[in-house]
């Protein structure tokens, strides 16, 4: 995977991380956690938390890890050999 393929994969991974963080926040919000609460836990302005949750391109991997931690989660990243991943996807179908 080179060039455009790698860039597209990076975009996909970035979107998935952003989406997962957003889902966890929605669950936490339903349980009473506000963006202000999250900002206090992180020691950042509420506007920064709002920006991260609204704009995936502003959420760095470091920010995602910090957000996950502040919401009581760990962000786990795996590196998988392509052939193994494709075999698992075929097997799941």
N, C-alpha and C. Protein backbone atom coordinates (compact mmCIF):
# COMPACT_ATOMS: atom_id res chain seq x y z
N UNK A 1 0.85 -1.16 0.00
CA UNK A 1 0.00 0.00 0.00
C UNK A 1 0.90 1.23 0.00
N UNK A 2 0.83 1.98 -1.06
CA UNK A 2 1.69 3.16 -1.18
C UNK A 2 0.87 4.35 -1.63
N UNK A 3 1.44 5.51 -1.41
CA UNK A 3 0.85 6.73 -1.93
C UNK A 3 -0.59 6.94 -1.51
N UNK A 4 -1.47 7.00 -2.52
CA UNK A 4 -2.88 7.28 -2.26
C UNK A 4 -3.53 6.21 -1.39
N UNK A 5 -3.14 4.96 -1.58
CA UNK A 5 -3.70 3.89 -0.76
C UNK A 5 -3.36 4.05 0.70
N UNK A 6 -2.12 4.40 0.99
CA UNK A 6 -1.70 4.60 2.38
C UNK A 6 -2.38 5.83 2.97
N UNK A 7 -2.52 6.88 2.17
CA UNK A 7 -3.18 8.09 2.65
C UNK A 7 -4.65 7.81 2.96
N UNK A 8 -5.29 7.04 2.10
CA UNK A 8 -6.70 6.68 2.33
C UNK A 8 -6.85 5.82 3.58
N UNK A 9 -5.91 4.92 3.79
CA UNK A 9 -5.95 4.07 4.99
C UNK A 9 -5.74 4.91 6.25
N UNK A 10 -4.84 5.88 6.18
CA UNK A 10 -4.62 6.77 7.33
C UNK A 10 -5.88 7.56 7.64
N UNK A 11 -6.57 8.03 6.62
CA UNK A 11 -7.84 8.75 6.81
C UNK A 11 -8.88 7.84 7.45
N UNK A 12 -8.94 6.60 7.00
CA UNK A 12 -9.91 5.65 7.54
C UNK A 12 -9.65 5.39 9.02
N UNK A 13 -8.38 5.17 9.37
CA UNK A 13 -8.03 4.91 10.76
C UNK A 13 -8.33 6.15 11.62
N UNK A 14 -7.96 7.32 11.12
CA UNK A 14 -8.23 8.56 11.85
C UNK A 14 -9.73 8.72 12.09
N UNK A 15 -10.54 8.45 11.08
CA UNK A 15 -11.99 8.55 11.22
C UNK A 15 -12.51 7.55 12.24
N UNK A 16 -12.02 6.32 12.21
CA UNK A 16 -12.48 5.29 13.15
C UNK A 16 -12.16 5.66 14.59
N UNK A 17 -10.96 6.17 14.83
CA UNK A 17 -10.58 6.59 16.19
C UNK A 17 -11.50 7.72 16.64
N UNK A 18 -11.70 8.73 15.79
CA UNK A 18 -12.57 9.86 16.10
C UNK A 18 -13.98 9.39 16.38
N UNK A 19 -14.48 8.47 15.58
CA UNK A 19 -15.84 7.94 15.75
C UNK A 19 -15.97 7.19 17.07
N UNK A 20 -14.98 6.37 17.40
CA UNK A 20 -15.02 5.62 18.66
C UNK A 20 -15.01 6.56 19.87
N UNK A 21 -14.14 7.58 19.83
CA UNK A 21 -14.09 8.54 20.92
C UNK A 21 -15.44 9.25 21.05
N UNK A 22 -16.02 9.61 19.93
CA UNK A 22 -17.34 10.26 19.94
C UNK A 22 -18.41 9.38 20.55
N UNK A 23 -18.40 8.10 20.21
CA UNK A 23 -19.39 7.17 20.77
C UNK A 23 -19.22 7.02 22.28
N UNK A 24 -17.98 6.91 22.73
CA UNK A 24 -17.72 6.79 24.17
C UNK A 24 -18.19 8.07 24.86
N UNK A 25 -17.91 9.23 24.27
CA UNK A 25 -18.35 10.47 24.89
C UNK A 25 -19.87 10.54 24.97
N UNK A 26 -20.57 10.12 23.92
CA UNK A 26 -22.04 10.14 23.94
C UNK A 26 -22.58 9.27 25.08
N UNK A 27 -21.96 8.12 25.29
CA UNK A 27 -22.37 7.25 26.40
C UNK A 27 -22.09 7.94 27.74
N UNK A 28 -20.91 8.54 27.86
CA UNK A 28 -20.56 9.25 29.09
C UNK A 28 -21.50 10.44 29.32
N UNK A 29 -21.84 11.14 28.23
CA UNK A 29 -22.74 12.29 28.36
C UNK A 29 -24.12 11.84 28.84
N UNK A 30 -24.57 10.70 28.33
CA UNK A 30 -25.86 10.17 28.78
C UNK A 30 -25.83 9.84 30.28
N UNK A 31 -24.64 9.61 30.80
CA UNK A 31 -24.47 9.32 32.23
C UNK A 31 -24.06 10.56 33.03
N UNK A 32 -24.17 11.74 32.41
CA UNK A 32 -23.96 12.97 33.14
C UNK A 32 -22.63 13.68 32.96
N UNK A 33 -21.74 13.17 32.11
CA UNK A 33 -20.44 13.83 31.89
C UNK A 33 -20.59 14.90 30.81
N UNK A 34 -20.23 16.12 31.13
CA UNK A 34 -20.31 17.20 30.14
C UNK A 34 -18.93 17.45 29.52
N UNK A 35 -18.92 18.24 28.45
CA UNK A 35 -17.65 18.63 27.85
C UNK A 35 -16.83 19.44 28.86
N UNK A 36 -17.50 20.22 29.67
CA UNK A 36 -16.80 21.00 30.71
C UNK A 36 -16.13 20.09 31.73
N UNK A 37 -16.85 19.02 32.13
CA UNK A 37 -16.27 18.05 33.07
C UNK A 37 -15.03 17.40 32.46
N UNK A 38 -15.16 17.02 31.20
CA UNK A 38 -14.05 16.37 30.50
C UNK A 38 -12.86 17.33 30.39
N UNK A 39 -13.14 18.59 30.08
CA UNK A 39 -12.08 19.60 29.98
C UNK A 39 -11.35 19.76 31.31
N UNK A 40 -12.11 19.78 32.40
CA UNK A 40 -11.48 19.90 33.73
C UNK A 40 -10.57 18.70 34.00
N UNK A 41 -11.05 17.51 33.66
CA UNK A 41 -10.23 16.31 33.86
C UNK A 41 -8.93 16.37 33.08
N UNK A 42 -9.00 16.97 31.90
CA UNK A 42 -7.82 17.04 31.02
C UNK A 42 -6.97 18.27 31.26
N UNK A 43 -7.52 19.24 31.97
CA UNK A 43 -6.79 20.49 32.19
C UNK A 43 -6.67 21.35 30.95
N UNK A 44 -7.71 21.31 30.11
CA UNK A 44 -7.74 22.12 28.88
C UNK A 44 -9.05 22.91 28.85
N UNK A 45 -9.12 23.97 28.04
CA UNK A 45 -10.38 24.71 27.92
C UNK A 45 -11.48 23.84 27.29
N UNK A 46 -12.72 24.11 27.66
CA UNK A 46 -13.84 23.36 27.11
C UNK A 46 -13.87 23.46 25.58
N UNK A 47 -13.49 24.62 25.06
CA UNK A 47 -13.46 24.80 23.61
C UNK A 47 -12.54 23.81 22.91
N UNK A 48 -11.45 23.43 23.57
CA UNK A 48 -10.52 22.45 22.99
C UNK A 48 -11.19 21.09 22.88
N UNK A 49 -11.89 20.70 23.95
CA UNK A 49 -12.60 19.41 23.93
C UNK A 49 -13.66 19.44 22.83
N UNK A 50 -14.39 20.53 22.74
CA UNK A 50 -15.42 20.68 21.70
C UNK A 50 -14.80 20.54 20.31
N UNK A 51 -13.67 21.16 20.10
CA UNK A 51 -12.98 21.11 18.81
C UNK A 51 -12.56 19.68 18.47
N UNK A 52 -11.98 18.98 19.44
CA UNK A 52 -11.56 17.59 19.21
C UNK A 52 -12.75 16.71 18.85
N UNK A 53 -13.86 16.89 19.56
CA UNK A 53 -15.03 16.03 19.33
C UNK A 53 -15.76 16.38 18.04
N UNK A 54 -15.62 17.60 17.58
CA UNK A 54 -16.33 18.06 16.39
C UNK A 54 -15.53 17.85 15.10
N UNK A 55 -14.22 17.94 15.17
CA UNK A 55 -13.39 17.95 13.96
C UNK A 55 -12.30 16.89 14.06
N UNK A 56 -12.50 15.80 13.34
CA UNK A 56 -11.56 14.67 13.47
C UNK A 56 -10.13 15.04 13.09
N UNK A 57 -9.96 15.99 12.21
CA UNK A 57 -8.61 16.36 11.80
C UNK A 57 -7.87 17.13 12.89
N UNK A 58 -8.59 17.64 13.86
CA UNK A 58 -7.97 18.35 14.98
C UNK A 58 -7.60 17.39 16.12
N UNK A 59 -8.17 16.19 16.10
CA UNK A 59 -7.91 15.22 17.17
C UNK A 59 -6.68 14.40 16.82
N UNK A 60 -5.58 14.70 17.47
CA UNK A 60 -4.36 13.92 17.26
C UNK A 60 -4.49 12.59 17.99
N UNK A 61 -3.58 11.69 17.71
CA UNK A 61 -3.57 10.41 18.43
C UNK A 61 -3.36 10.65 19.92
N UNK A 62 -2.48 11.59 20.24
CA UNK A 62 -2.23 11.92 21.65
C UNK A 62 -3.51 12.43 22.31
N UNK A 63 -4.25 13.29 21.63
CA UNK A 63 -5.51 13.80 22.18
C UNK A 63 -6.52 12.67 22.36
N UNK A 64 -6.58 11.76 21.39
CA UNK A 64 -7.51 10.63 21.49
C UNK A 64 -7.19 9.76 22.70
N UNK A 65 -5.91 9.51 22.93
CA UNK A 65 -5.50 8.71 24.09
C UNK A 65 -5.88 9.43 25.38
N UNK A 66 -5.65 10.73 25.44
CA UNK A 66 -5.99 11.51 26.64
C UNK A 66 -7.50 11.53 26.87
N UNK A 67 -8.27 11.73 25.81
CA UNK A 67 -9.73 11.73 25.93
C UNK A 67 -10.24 10.37 26.41
N UNK A 68 -9.73 9.31 25.81
CA UNK A 68 -10.15 7.97 26.21
C UNK A 68 -9.85 7.74 27.69
N UNK A 69 -8.65 8.11 28.11
CA UNK A 69 -8.26 7.94 29.51
C UNK A 69 -9.16 8.74 30.44
N UNK A 70 -9.46 9.97 30.08
CA UNK A 70 -10.31 10.82 30.92
C UNK A 70 -11.74 10.28 31.03
N UNK A 71 -12.13 9.43 30.07
CA UNK A 71 -13.45 8.82 30.11
C UNK A 71 -13.41 7.38 30.63
N UNK A 72 -12.24 6.99 31.17
CA UNK A 72 -12.12 5.66 31.78
C UNK A 72 -11.89 4.53 30.80
N UNK A 73 -11.31 4.84 29.65
CA UNK A 73 -11.04 3.84 28.62
C UNK A 73 -9.57 3.86 28.22
N UNK A 74 -9.14 2.78 27.61
CA UNK A 74 -7.82 2.72 26.98
C UNK A 74 -8.03 2.68 25.47
N UNK A 75 -7.15 3.32 24.73
CA UNK A 75 -7.17 3.25 23.28
C UNK A 75 -6.13 2.23 22.88
N UNK A 76 -6.56 1.17 22.23
CA UNK A 76 -5.68 0.07 21.86
C UNK A 76 -5.46 0.09 20.35
N UNK A 77 -4.22 0.06 19.93
CA UNK A 77 -3.88 0.07 18.50
C UNK A 77 -3.16 -1.22 18.17
N UNK A 78 -3.55 -1.85 17.07
CA UNK A 78 -2.91 -3.10 16.66
C UNK A 78 -2.28 -2.91 15.29
N UNK A 79 -1.18 -3.58 15.09
CA UNK A 79 -0.53 -3.63 13.79
C UNK A 79 -0.69 -5.06 13.31
N UNK A 80 -1.40 -5.24 12.19
CA UNK A 80 -1.75 -6.58 11.71
C UNK A 80 -1.19 -6.78 10.31
N UNK A 81 -0.56 -7.91 10.10
CA UNK A 81 -0.05 -8.24 8.76
C UNK A 81 -1.25 -8.32 7.81
N UNK A 82 -1.15 -7.70 6.65
CA UNK A 82 -2.28 -7.64 5.71
C UNK A 82 -2.85 -9.00 5.38
N UNK A 83 -2.03 -9.97 5.10
CA UNK A 83 -2.53 -11.30 4.73
C UNK A 83 -3.37 -11.89 5.86
N UNK A 84 -2.96 -11.67 7.10
CA UNK A 84 -3.70 -12.17 8.26
C UNK A 84 -5.04 -11.47 8.37
N UNK A 85 -5.06 -10.17 8.18
CA UNK A 85 -6.29 -9.40 8.26
C UNK A 85 -7.26 -9.81 7.17
N UNK A 86 -6.78 -9.97 5.95
CA UNK A 86 -7.66 -10.37 4.85
C UNK A 86 -8.23 -11.76 5.09
N UNK A 87 -7.41 -12.68 5.59
CA UNK A 87 -7.88 -14.03 5.88
C UNK A 87 -8.97 -13.99 6.95
N UNK A 88 -8.80 -13.16 7.96
CA UNK A 88 -9.80 -13.04 9.02
C UNK A 88 -11.09 -12.44 8.48
N UNK A 89 -10.99 -11.48 7.56
CA UNK A 89 -12.18 -10.87 6.99
C UNK A 89 -12.94 -11.87 6.14
N UNK A 90 -12.24 -12.68 5.36
CA UNK A 90 -12.88 -13.70 4.53
C UNK A 90 -13.54 -14.74 5.42
N UNK A 91 -12.84 -15.15 6.47
CA UNK A 91 -13.37 -16.15 7.39
C UNK A 91 -14.64 -15.65 8.08
N UNK A 92 -14.70 -14.37 8.38
CA UNK A 92 -15.86 -13.80 9.07
C UNK A 92 -17.08 -13.75 8.17
N UNK A 93 -16.88 -13.76 6.86
CA UNK A 93 -18.02 -13.70 5.93
C UNK A 93 -18.62 -15.04 5.83
